[in-house]
Amino acid sequence: MFETFTYDLPKVLPRAARDRWAFMESNSAAAVIQAICPKEWKDIVDILSTYRLDPNSWLKAGGNRGDIAEQIDDLFRARGWCEARLDLETKGLLFSKNGKQIDELPPVYQTGYLVDNFKNRVVLDVEWNAKDGNLDRDLASYRSWYEAGVISAGVIITKDRLSLLALARRLWAKYLATLPPEKQAQRMPIDLTTSTVTAFDKAQMRMRRGVMGTCPVLLVAATEATWNGKPYG
């Protein structure tokens, strides 16, 4: 895996976004998106610069997607990104020596999956609390689409599990302290200790295995710095 750090360049990613999230990239993904798809990169930068993690949305039961993923998706949809399934059809054409077509092979069809956000040549999935196997699917698909020439890069937005777990425990303790003694034993509404769901460390592991091949991929993870500073409750 060719790990790069173009997201550390202020001319690529302004500090307003860089300081609020954790990042990892392959093949200069941030700089590639900025250069090839500048409008899409501006969307990403603007959203990362302004989105803040609210405990009342975050520390709330909500299945695989939940409020956070929906909030981020909605921000991209407002900028023209769409949920879409990307399929591939490959057709072989046979030509004679003088350039005349002599035959056409049966097309090969490859079914994709429904990506959370697609615009121009960039795919972006918000993997907040899904099964971590989704990361294998995402990265393998990015590789296939990139090698077919239909995308320029892929982006995954997820969470830094350990950083947010520490923050959640502090917020929950402060919230419980405001309750009557008989209610102070209640558990957090979501389980942040599980290591079987999508998270930054899981995505990093797969990136280092090279699941995405040569496709430029940018991982973005919410950390304590993404928090809006408000209490829970």
C-alpha atoms as a PDB file:
ATOM      1  CA  MET A   1       0.000   0.000   0.000  1.00  0.00           C
ATOM      2  CA  PHE A   2       1.293   3.451  -0.967  1.00  0.00           C
ATOM      3  CA  GLU A   3       0.312   5.613   2.025  1.00  0.00           C
ATOM      4  CA  THR A   4       0.478   9.345   1.436  1.00  0.00           C
ATOM      5  CA  PHE A   5      -0.316  12.471   3.458  1.00  0.00           C
ATOM      6  CA  THR A   6      -1.556  15.145   1.065  1.00  0.00           C
ATOM      7  CA  TYR A   7      -4.399  15.932   3.481  1.00  0.00           C
ATOM      8  CA  ASP A   8      -1.719  17.535   5.695  1.00  0.00           C
ATOM      9  CA  LEU A   9      -1.077  20.203   3.059  1.00  0.00           C
ATOM     10  CA  PRO A  10      -3.057  23.379   3.935  1.00  0.00           C
ATOM     11  CA  LYS A  11      -3.452  24.161   0.223  1.00  0.00           C
ATOM     12  CA  VAL A  12      -5.234  20.826  -0.155  1.00  0.00           C
ATOM     13  CA  LEU A  13      -7.180  20.592   3.114  1.00  0.00           C
ATOM     14  CA  PRO A  14      -7.690  23.748   5.213  1.00  0.00           C
ATOM     15  CA  ARG A  15      -7.062  23.531   8.942  1.00  0.00           C
ATOM     16  CA  ALA A  16     -10.765  24.051   9.678  1.00  0.00           C
ATOM     17  CA  ALA A  17     -11.348  20.536   8.368  1.00  0.00           C
ATOM     18  CA  ARG A  18      -7.964  18.963   9.052  1.00  0.00           C
ATOM     19  CA  ASP A  19      -8.013  19.664  12.794  1.00  0.00           C
ATOM     20  CA  ARG A  20     -11.518  18.237  13.330  1.00  0.00           C
ATOM     21  CA  TRP A  21     -11.085  14.759  11.855  1.00  0.00           C
ATOM     22  CA  ALA A  22      -8.543  11.953  11.582  1.00  0.00           C
ATOM     23  CA  PHE A  23      -7.355  10.922   8.129  1.00  0.00           C
ATOM     24  CA  MET A  24      -5.568   8.214   6.193  1.00  0.00           C
ATOM     25  CA  GLU A  25      -5.119   8.034   2.442  1.00  0.00           C
ATOM     26  CA  SER A  26      -3.614   5.974  -0.328  1.00  0.00           C
ATOM     27  CA  ASN A  27      -2.125   7.266  -3.567  1.00  0.00           C
ATOM     28  CA  SER A  28      -2.488  10.984  -2.723  1.00  0.00           C
ATOM     29  CA  ALA A  29      -6.290  10.713  -2.652  1.00  0.00           C
ATOM     30  CA  ALA A  30      -6.990  14.186  -1.234  1.00  0.00           C
ATOM     31  CA  ALA A  31      -4.762  15.914  -3.790  1.00  0.00           C
ATOM     32  CA  VAL A  32      -6.140  13.751  -6.603  1.00  0.00           C
ATOM     33  CA  ILE A  33      -9.752  14.657  -5.805  1.00  0.00           C
ATOM     34  CA  GLN A  34      -8.846  18.331  -5.453  1.00  0.00           C
ATOM     35  CA  ALA A  35      -7.104  18.320  -8.839  1.00  0.00           C
ATOM     36  CA  ILE A  36      -9.500  16.160 -10.868  1.00  0.00           C
ATOM     37  CA  CYS A  37     -12.835  16.864  -9.170  1.00  0.00           C
ATOM     38  CA  PRO A  38     -12.453  20.323  -7.578  1.00  0.00           C
ATOM     39  CA  LYS A  39     -16.181  20.941  -7.103  1.00  0.00           C
ATOM     40  CA  GLU A  40     -16.655  17.623  -5.344  1.00  0.00           C
ATOM     41  CA  TRP A  41     -13.587  18.295  -3.206  1.00  0.00           C
ATOM     42  CA  LYS A  42     -15.032  21.671  -2.194  1.00  0.00           C
ATOM     43  CA  ASP A  43     -18.224  19.891  -1.090  1.00  0.00           C
ATOM     44  CA  ILE A  44     -16.201  17.485   1.044  1.00  0.00           C
ATOM     45  CA  VAL A  45     -14.049  20.240   2.557  1.00  0.00           C
ATOM     46  CA  ASP A  46     -17.040  22.463   3.343  1.00  0.00           C
ATOM     47  CA  ILE A  47     -18.908  19.635   5.078  1.00  0.00           C
ATOM     48  CA  LEU A  48     -15.892  18.478   7.077  1.00  0.00           C
ATOM     49  CA  SER A  49     -15.208  22.088   8.090  1.00  0.00           C
ATOM     50  CA  THR A  50     -18.704  22.722   9.431  1.00  0.00           C
ATOM     51  CA  TYR A  51     -20.194  19.414  10.603  1.00  0.00           C
ATOM     52  CA  ARG A  52     -20.131  18.871  14.356  1.00  0.00           C
ATOM     53  CA  LEU A  53     -20.997  15.703  16.240  1.00  0.00           C
ATOM     54  CA  ASP A  54     -23.954  16.242  18.585  1.00  0.00           C
ATOM     55  CA  PRO A  55     -24.207  13.791  21.510  1.00  0.00           C
ATOM     56  CA  ASN A  56     -27.998  13.756  21.409  1.00  0.00           C
ATOM     57  CA  SER A  57     -27.880  12.385  17.866  1.00  0.00           C
ATOM     58  CA  TRP A  58     -24.794  10.261  18.346  1.00  0.00           C
ATOM     59  CA  LEU A  59     -25.559   8.533  21.679  1.00  0.00           C
ATOM     60  CA  LYS A  60     -28.880   7.263  20.448  1.00  0.00           C
ATOM     61  CA  ALA A  61     -29.970   3.811  19.363  1.00  0.00           C
ATOM     62  CA  GLY A  62     -30.438   3.712  15.618  1.00  0.00           C
ATOM     63  CA  GLY A  63     -29.410   0.460  13.973  1.00  0.00           C
ATOM     64  CA  ASN A  64     -26.711   0.306  11.339  1.00  0.00           C
ATOM     65  CA  ARG A  65     -27.237   3.796   9.984  1.00  0.00           C
ATOM     66  CA  GLY A  66     -28.642   6.060  12.678  1.00  0.00           C
ATOM     67  CA  ASP A  67     -28.918   9.824  12.833  1.00  0.00           C
ATOM     68  CA  ILE A  68     -25.236  10.610  12.223  1.00  0.00           C
ATOM     69  CA  ALA A  69     -25.007   8.808   8.883  1.00  0.00           C
ATOM     70  CA  GLU A  70     -28.307  10.343   7.778  1.00  0.00           C
ATOM     71  CA  GLN A  71     -27.167  13.827   8.776  1.00  0.00           C
ATOM     72  CA  ILE A  72     -23.932  13.539   6.792  1.00  0.00           C
ATOM     73  CA  ASP A  73     -25.694  11.991   3.797  1.00  0.00           C
ATOM     74  CA  ASP A  74     -28.257  14.794   3.820  1.00  0.00           C
ATOM     75  CA  LEU A  75     -25.481  17.390   3.689  1.00  0.00           C
ATOM     76  CA  PHE A  76     -24.068  15.756   0.574  1.00  0.00           C
ATOM     77  CA  ARG A  77     -27.491  15.294  -1.028  1.00  0.00           C
ATOM     78  CA  ALA A  78     -28.126  19.019  -0.592  1.00  0.00           C
ATOM     79  CA  ARG A  79     -25.030  19.582  -2.746  1.00  0.00           C
ATOM     80  CA  GLY A  80     -26.159  17.328  -5.566  1.00  0.00           C
ATOM     81  CA  TRP A  81     -24.667  14.002  -4.508  1.00  0.00           C
ATOM     82  CA  CYS A  82     -26.947  10.997  -4.889  1.00  0.00           C
ATOM     83  CA  GLU A  83     -27.356   7.456  -3.641  1.00  0.00           C
ATOM     84  CA  ALA A  84     -26.737   5.203  -6.617  1.00  0.00           C
ATOM     85  CA  ARG A  85     -25.797   1.682  -7.667  1.00  0.00           C
ATOM     86  CA  LEU A  86     -22.806   1.550  -9.960  1.00  0.00           C
ATOM     87  CA  ASP A  87     -22.768  -1.470 -12.300  1.00  0.00           C
ATOM     88  CA  LEU A  88     -20.174  -2.294 -14.931  1.00  0.00           C
ATOM     89  CA  GLU A  89     -20.645  -3.805 -18.371  1.00  0.00           C
ATOM     90  CA  THR A  90     -17.540  -4.901 -20.264  1.00  0.00           C
ATOM     91  CA  LYS A  91     -17.767  -5.650 -23.972  1.00  0.00           C
ATOM     92  CA  GLY A  92     -15.030  -7.182 -26.133  1.00  0.00           C
ATOM     93  CA  LEU A  93     -14.725  -6.052 -29.781  1.00  0.00           C
ATOM     94  CA  LEU A  94     -12.602  -7.922 -32.296  1.00  0.00           C
ATOM     95  CA  PHE A  95     -10.896  -6.014 -35.108  1.00  0.00           C
ATOM     96  CA  SER A  96      -8.963  -7.173 -38.135  1.00  0.00           C
ATOM     97  CA  LYS A  97      -5.465  -5.995 -38.946  1.00  0.00           C
ATOM     98  CA  ASN A  98      -6.844  -3.175 -41.109  1.00  0.00           C
ATOM     99  CA  GLY A  99      -9.094  -1.914 -38.297  1.00  0.00           C
ATOM    100  CA  LYS A 100     -12.380  -3.398 -39.454  1.00  0.00           C
ATOM    101  CA  GLN A 101     -14.635  -4.779 -36.710  1.00  0.00           C
ATOM    102  CA  ILE A 102     -15.157  -8.488 -37.301  1.00  0.00           C
ATOM    103  CA  ASP A 103     -16.929  -9.647 -34.160  1.00  0.00           C
ATOM    104  CA  GLU A 104     -18.358  -8.646 -30.819  1.00  0.00           C
ATOM    105  CA  LEU A 105     -18.014 -10.810 -27.724  1.00  0.00           C
ATOM    106  CA  PRO A 106     -20.927 -11.248 -25.307  1.00  0.00           C
ATOM    107  CA  PRO A 107     -20.869  -8.500 -22.666  1.00  0.00           C
ATOM    108  CA  VAL A 108     -19.807  -9.293 -19.132  1.00  0.00           C
ATOM    109  CA  TYR A 109     -22.015  -7.650 -16.499  1.00  0.00           C
ATOM    110  CA  GLN A 110     -20.856  -6.852 -12.978  1.00  0.00           C
ATOM    111  CA  THR A 111     -23.458  -5.785 -10.421  1.00  0.00           C
ATOM    112  CA  GLY A 112     -22.336  -3.181  -7.934  1.00  0.00           C
ATOM    113  CA  TYR A 113     -23.919  -2.016  -4.683  1.00  0.00           C
ATOM    114  CA  LEU A 114     -25.806   1.052  -3.568  1.00  0.00           C
ATOM    115  CA  VAL A 115     -23.183   3.636  -2.631  1.00  0.00           C
ATOM    116  CA  ASP A 116     -24.268   6.292  -0.155  1.00  0.00           C
ATOM    117  CA  ASN A 117     -23.087   9.246  -2.211  1.00  0.00           C
ATOM    118  CA  PHE A 118     -21.930   9.578  -5.817  1.00  0.00           C
ATOM    119  CA  LYS A 119     -21.074  12.670  -7.817  1.00  0.00           C
ATOM    120  CA  ASN A 120     -19.041  13.086 -10.971  1.00  0.00           C
ATOM    121  CA  ARG A 121     -16.098  10.663 -10.489  1.00  0.00           C
ATOM    122  CA  VAL A 122     -16.092  10.370  -6.698  1.00  0.00           C
ATOM    123  CA  VAL A 123     -17.841   7.771  -4.524  1.00  0.00           C
ATOM    124  CA  LEU A 124     -18.333   8.436  -0.816  1.00  0.00           C
ATOM    125  CA  ASP A 125     -19.722   6.017   1.762  1.00  0.00           C
ATOM    126  CA  VAL A 126     -20.641   6.896   5.338  1.00  0.00           C
ATOM    127  CA  GLU A 127     -19.827   3.752   7.319  1.00  0.00           C
ATOM    128  CA  TRP A 128     -20.812   4.826  10.804  1.00  0.00           C
ATOM    129  CA  ASN A 129     -22.102   1.734  12.571  1.00  0.00           C
ATOM    130  CA  ALA A 130     -22.465  -1.039   9.988  1.00  0.00           C
ATOM    131  CA  LYS A 131     -20.923  -4.502  10.057  1.00  0.00           C
ATOM    132  CA  ASP A 132     -17.211  -4.141   9.381  1.00  0.00           C
ATOM    133  CA  GLY A 133     -17.474  -6.464   6.378  1.00  0.00           C
ATOM    134  CA  ASN A 134     -18.935  -3.473   4.523  1.00  0.00           C
ATOM    135  CA  LEU A 135     -15.422  -2.059   4.369  1.00  0.00           C
ATOM    136  CA  ASP A 136     -14.166  -5.018   2.318  1.00  0.00           C
ATOM    137  CA  ARG A 137     -17.074  -4.549  -0.078  1.00  0.00           C
ATOM    138  CA  ASP A 138     -16.481  -0.796  -0.367  1.00  0.00           C
ATOM    139  CA  LEU A 139     -12.746  -0.965  -0.984  1.00  0.00           C
ATOM    140  CA  ALA A 140     -12.929  -3.909  -3.382  1.00  0.00           C
ATOM    141  CA  SER A 141     -15.631  -2.100  -5.377  1.00  0.00           C
ATOM    142  CA  TYR A 142     -13.621   1.131  -5.459  1.00  0.00           C
ATOM    143  CA  ARG A 143     -10.718  -0.871  -6.876  1.00  0.00           C
ATOM    144  CA  SER A 144     -12.880  -2.464  -9.560  1.00  0.00           C
ATOM    145  CA  TRP A 145     -14.465   0.831 -10.598  1.00  0.00           C
ATOM    146  CA  TYR A 146     -11.131   2.649 -10.603  1.00  0.00           C
ATOM    147  CA  GLU A 147      -9.451  -0.013 -12.719  1.00  0.00           C
ATOM    148  CA  ALA A 148     -12.395   0.175 -15.129  1.00  0.00           C
ATOM    149  CA  GLY A 149     -11.798   3.923 -15.423  1.00  0.00           C
ATOM    150  CA  VAL A 150     -15.184   5.110 -14.152  1.00  0.00           C
ATOM    151  CA  ILE A 151     -14.121   6.747 -10.857  1.00  0.00           C
ATOM    152  CA  SER A 152     -11.117   8.809  -9.806  1.00  0.00           C
ATOM    153  CA  ALA A 153     -11.214   8.159  -6.056  1.00  0.00           C
ATOM    154  CA  GLY A 154     -13.220   6.812  -3.148  1.00  0.00           C
ATOM    155  CA  VAL A 155     -13.933   8.304   0.276  1.00  0.00           C
ATOM    156  CA  ILE A 156     -15.121   6.609   3.462  1.00  0.00           C
ATOM    157  CA  ILE A 157     -16.357   8.618   6.446  1.00  0.00           C
ATOM    158  CA  THR A 158     -16.423   6.671   9.707  1.00  0.00           C
ATOM    159  CA  LYS A 159     -15.556   7.109  13.389  1.00  0.00           C
ATOM    160  CA  ASP A 160     -12.443   6.778  15.531  1.00  0.00           C
ATOM    161  CA  ARG A 161     -13.970   4.260  17.925  1.00  0.00           C
ATOM    162  CA  LEU A 162     -11.544   4.578  20.845  1.00  0.00           C
ATOM    163  CA  SER A 163     -11.460   8.372  20.820  1.00  0.00           C
ATOM    164  CA  LEU A 164     -15.249   8.606  20.779  1.00  0.00           C
ATOM    165  CA  LEU A 165     -15.639   5.845  23.352  1.00  0.00           C
ATOM    166  CA  ALA A 166     -13.594   7.850  25.857  1.00  0.00           C
ATOM    167  CA  LEU A 167     -15.639  10.970  25.121  1.00  0.00           C
ATOM    168  CA  ALA A 168     -18.936   9.090  25.388  1.00  0.00           C
ATOM    169  CA  ARG A 169     -18.039   7.696  28.802  1.00  0.00           C
ATOM    170  CA  ARG A 170     -17.292  11.184  30.110  1.00  0.00           C
ATOM    171  CA  LEU A 171     -20.487  12.639  28.676  1.00  0.00           C
ATOM    172  CA  TRP A 172     -22.568   9.756  30.016  1.00  0.00           C
ATOM    173  CA  ALA A 173     -21.063  10.055  33.495  1.00  0.00           C
ATOM    174  CA  LYS A 174     -21.898  13.765  33.581  1.00  0.00           C
ATOM    175  CA  TYR A 175     -25.424  13.037  32.396  1.00  0.00           C
ATOM    176  CA  LEU A 176     -25.989  10.362  35.054  1.00  0.00           C
ATOM    177  CA  ALA A 177     -24.821  12.785  37.734  1.00  0.00           C
ATOM    178  CA  THR A 178     -27.832  14.972  36.923  1.00  0.00           C
ATOM    179  CA  LEU A 179     -30.311  12.115  37.548  1.00  0.00           C
ATOM    180  CA  PRO A 180     -31.860  10.904  40.802  1.00  0.00           C
ATOM    181  CA  PRO A 181     -29.800   8.142  42.489  1.00  0.00           C
ATOM    182  CA  GLU A 182     -32.273   5.409  41.526  1.00  0.00           C
ATOM    183  CA  LYS A 183     -31.717   6.155  37.824  1.00  0.00           C
ATOM    184  CA  GLN A 184     -27.958   6.515  37.842  1.00  0.00           C
ATOM    185  CA  ALA A 185     -27.290   2.863  37.063  1.00  0.00           C
ATOM    186  CA  GLN A 186     -28.804   2.936  33.590  1.00  0.00           C
ATOM    187  CA  ARG A 187     -26.600   1.954  30.678  1.00  0.00           C
ATOM    188  CA  MET A 188     -25.667   4.020  27.660  1.00  0.00           C
ATOM    189  CA  PRO A 189     -28.304   3.606  24.905  1.00  0.00           C
ATOM    190  CA  ILE A 190     -25.707   2.317  22.403  1.00  0.00           C
ATOM    191  CA  ASP A 191     -22.805  -0.109  22.747  1.00  0.00           C
ATOM    192  CA  LEU A 192     -19.572   1.634  21.780  1.00  0.00           C
ATOM    193  CA  THR A 193     -17.310  -1.144  23.035  1.00  0.00           C
ATOM    194  CA  THR A 194     -17.964  -3.600  20.200  1.00  0.00           C
ATOM    195  CA  SER A 195     -15.125  -4.008  17.721  1.00  0.00           C
ATOM    196  CA  THR A 196     -17.159  -5.740  15.003  1.00  0.00           C
ATOM    197  CA  VAL A 197     -18.616  -2.611  13.403  1.00  0.00           C
ATOM    198  CA  THR A 198     -17.139  -0.145  10.941  1.00  0.00           C
ATOM    199  CA  ALA A 199     -14.525   2.148  12.460  1.00  0.00           C
ATOM    200  CA  PHE A 200     -11.288   3.921  11.576  1.00  0.00           C
ATOM    201  CA  ASP A 201      -8.969   1.159  12.818  1.00  0.00           C
ATOM    202  CA  LYS A 202     -10.892  -1.470  10.844  1.00  0.00           C
ATOM    203  CA  ALA A 203     -10.694   0.610   7.663  1.00  0.00           C
ATOM    204  CA  GLN A 204      -6.985   1.299   8.202  1.00  0.00           C
ATOM    205  CA  MET A 205      -6.280  -2.420   8.557  1.00  0.00           C
ATOM    206  CA  ARG A 206      -7.949  -3.148   5.230  1.00  0.00           C
ATOM    207  CA  MET A 207      -6.188  -0.264   3.521  1.00  0.00           C
ATOM    208  CA  ARG A 208      -2.828  -1.606   4.692  1.00  0.00           C
ATOM    209  CA  ARG A 209      -3.771  -4.995   3.249  1.00  0.00           C
ATOM    210  CA  GLY A 210      -4.211  -3.275  -0.100  1.00  0.00           C
ATOM    211  CA  VAL A 211      -7.860  -4.188  -0.633  1.00  0.00           C
ATOM    212  CA  MET A 212      -8.334  -1.000  -2.710  1.00  0.00           C
ATOM    213  CA  GLY A 213      -5.421  -1.748  -5.057  1.00  0.00           C
ATOM    214  CA  THR A 214      -4.134   1.399  -6.751  1.00  0.00           C
ATOM    215  CA  CYS A 215      -7.384   3.343  -6.298  1.00  0.00           C
ATOM    216  CA  PRO A 216      -6.836   6.604  -4.382  1.00  0.00           C
ATOM    217  CA  VAL A 217      -8.882   6.261  -1.187  1.00  0.00           C
ATOM    218  CA  LEU A 218      -9.362   8.789   1.599  1.00  0.00           C
ATOM    219  CA  LEU A 219     -10.464   7.634   5.047  1.00  0.00           C
ATOM    220  CA  VAL A 220     -12.032  10.280   7.283  1.00  0.00           C
ATOM    221  CA  ALA A 221     -12.856   9.582  10.925  1.00  0.00           C
ATOM    222  CA  ALA A 222     -14.777  11.580  13.510  1.00  0.00           C
ATOM    223  CA  THR A 223     -12.844  12.077  16.743  1.00  0.00           C
ATOM    224  CA  GLU A 224     -13.382  13.980  19.965  1.00  0.00           C
ATOM    225  CA  ALA A 225     -12.350  17.084  18.004  1.00  0.00           C
ATOM    226  CA  THR A 226     -15.468  16.647  15.816  1.00  0.00           C
ATOM    227  CA  TRP A 227     -17.725  17.009  18.892  1.00  0.00           C
ATOM    228  CA  ASN A 228     -19.750  20.215  19.132  1.00  0.00           C
ATOM    229  CA  GLY A 229     -18.873  20.668  22.809  1.00  0.00           C
ATOM    230  CA  LYS A 230     -22.429  20.192  24.043  1.00  0.00           C
ATOM    231  CA  PRO A 231     -23.486  17.779  26.820  1.00  0.00           C
ATOM    232  CA  TYR A 232     -25.738  14.790  26.397  1.00  0.00           C
ATOM    233  CA  GLY A 233     -29.307  15.159  27.535  1.00  0.00           C
END
